[in-house]
């Protein structure tokens, strides 16, 4: 029987989008807020809709 490794939830696999523009809807809370922060940390231009 195969064993599964637990997913590493501390990192987010985002392709290199530095300098790209992204639109995040639902960015006020939850997953949308986390994605907006992650994209900004990747040097993306982030447009938010909440």
C-alpha atoms as a PDB file:
ATOM      1  CA  UNK A   1       0.000   0.000   0.000  1.00  0.00           C
ATOM      2  CA  UNK A   2       1.331   3.426  -0.924  1.00  0.00           C
ATOM      3  CA  UNK A   3       1.686   6.083   1.725  1.00  0.00           C
ATOM      4  CA  UNK A   4       0.879   9.684   1.092  1.00  0.00           C
ATOM      5  CA  UNK A   5       3.009  12.597   2.171  1.00  0.00           C
ATOM      6  CA  UNK A   6       1.055  15.394   3.813  1.00  0.00           C
ATOM      7  CA  UNK A   7       0.740  18.493   1.665  1.00  0.00           C
ATOM      8  CA  UNK A   8       2.946  21.404   2.635  1.00  0.00           C
ATOM      9  CA  UNK A   9       0.391  24.098   3.338  1.00  0.00           C
ATOM     10  CA  UNK A  10       2.972  26.741   4.244  1.00  0.00           C
ATOM     11  CA  UNK A  11       3.893  27.521   0.633  1.00  0.00           C
ATOM     12  CA  UNK A  12       1.795  28.366  -2.369  1.00  0.00           C
ATOM     13  CA  UNK A  13       2.913  27.155  -5.791  1.00  0.00           C
ATOM     14  CA  UNK A  14       2.459  30.174  -8.045  1.00  0.00           C
ATOM     15  CA  UNK A  15       4.277  30.376 -11.371  1.00  0.00           C
ATOM     16  CA  UNK A  16       6.619  33.325 -11.858  1.00  0.00           C
ATOM     17  CA  UNK A  17       4.203  36.176 -12.550  1.00  0.00           C
ATOM     18  CA  UNK A  18       6.442  39.095 -11.581  1.00  0.00           C
ATOM     19  CA  UNK A  19       5.280  42.234 -13.372  1.00  0.00           C
ATOM     20  CA  UNK A  20       2.004  40.665 -14.506  1.00  0.00           C
ATOM     21  CA  UNK A  21      -1.418  42.049 -13.597  1.00  0.00           C
ATOM     22  CA  UNK A  22      -3.824  39.827 -11.680  1.00  0.00           C
ATOM     23  CA  UNK A  23      -7.438  40.359 -10.652  1.00  0.00           C
ATOM     24  CA  UNK A  24      -8.513  38.788  -7.366  1.00  0.00           C
ATOM     25  CA  UNK A  25     -12.227  38.687  -6.606  1.00  0.00           C
ATOM     26  CA  UNK A  26     -13.414  38.098  -3.062  1.00  0.00           C
ATOM     27  CA  UNK A  27     -10.182  39.584  -1.739  1.00  0.00           C
ATOM     28  CA  UNK A  28     -11.553  40.881   1.553  1.00  0.00           C
ATOM     29  CA  UNK A  29     -11.277  37.583   3.448  1.00  0.00           C
ATOM     30  CA  UNK A  30     -10.250  33.961   3.243  1.00  0.00           C
ATOM     31  CA  UNK A  31      -8.683  32.458   0.157  1.00  0.00           C
ATOM     32  CA  UNK A  32      -9.083  35.651  -1.885  1.00  0.00           C
ATOM     33  CA  UNK A  33      -7.189  37.700   0.701  1.00  0.00           C
ATOM     34  CA  UNK A  34      -4.444  35.076   0.928  1.00  0.00           C
ATOM     35  CA  UNK A  35      -4.097  34.972  -2.854  1.00  0.00           C
ATOM     36  CA  UNK A  36      -3.941  38.760  -3.105  1.00  0.00           C
ATOM     37  CA  UNK A  37      -1.112  38.825  -0.544  1.00  0.00           C
ATOM     38  CA  UNK A  38       0.704  35.953  -2.253  1.00  0.00           C
ATOM     39  CA  UNK A  39       0.522  37.620  -5.671  1.00  0.00           C
ATOM     40  CA  UNK A  40       1.726  40.917  -4.218  1.00  0.00           C
ATOM     41  CA  UNK A  41       4.656  39.095  -2.609  1.00  0.00           C
ATOM     42  CA  UNK A  42       5.461  37.712  -6.082  1.00  0.00           C
ATOM     43  CA  UNK A  43       5.759  41.329  -7.361  1.00  0.00           C
ATOM     44  CA  UNK A  44       2.500  41.207  -9.348  1.00  0.00           C
ATOM     45  CA  UNK A  45       0.288  44.210  -9.977  1.00  0.00           C
ATOM     46  CA  UNK A  46      -2.829  43.238  -8.036  1.00  0.00           C
ATOM     47  CA  UNK A  47      -6.343  44.557  -8.675  1.00  0.00           C
ATOM     48  CA  UNK A  48      -8.791  43.712  -5.903  1.00  0.00           C
ATOM     49  CA  UNK A  49     -12.534  43.289  -5.869  1.00  0.00           C
ATOM     50  CA  UNK A  50     -14.169  42.610  -2.575  1.00  0.00           C
END
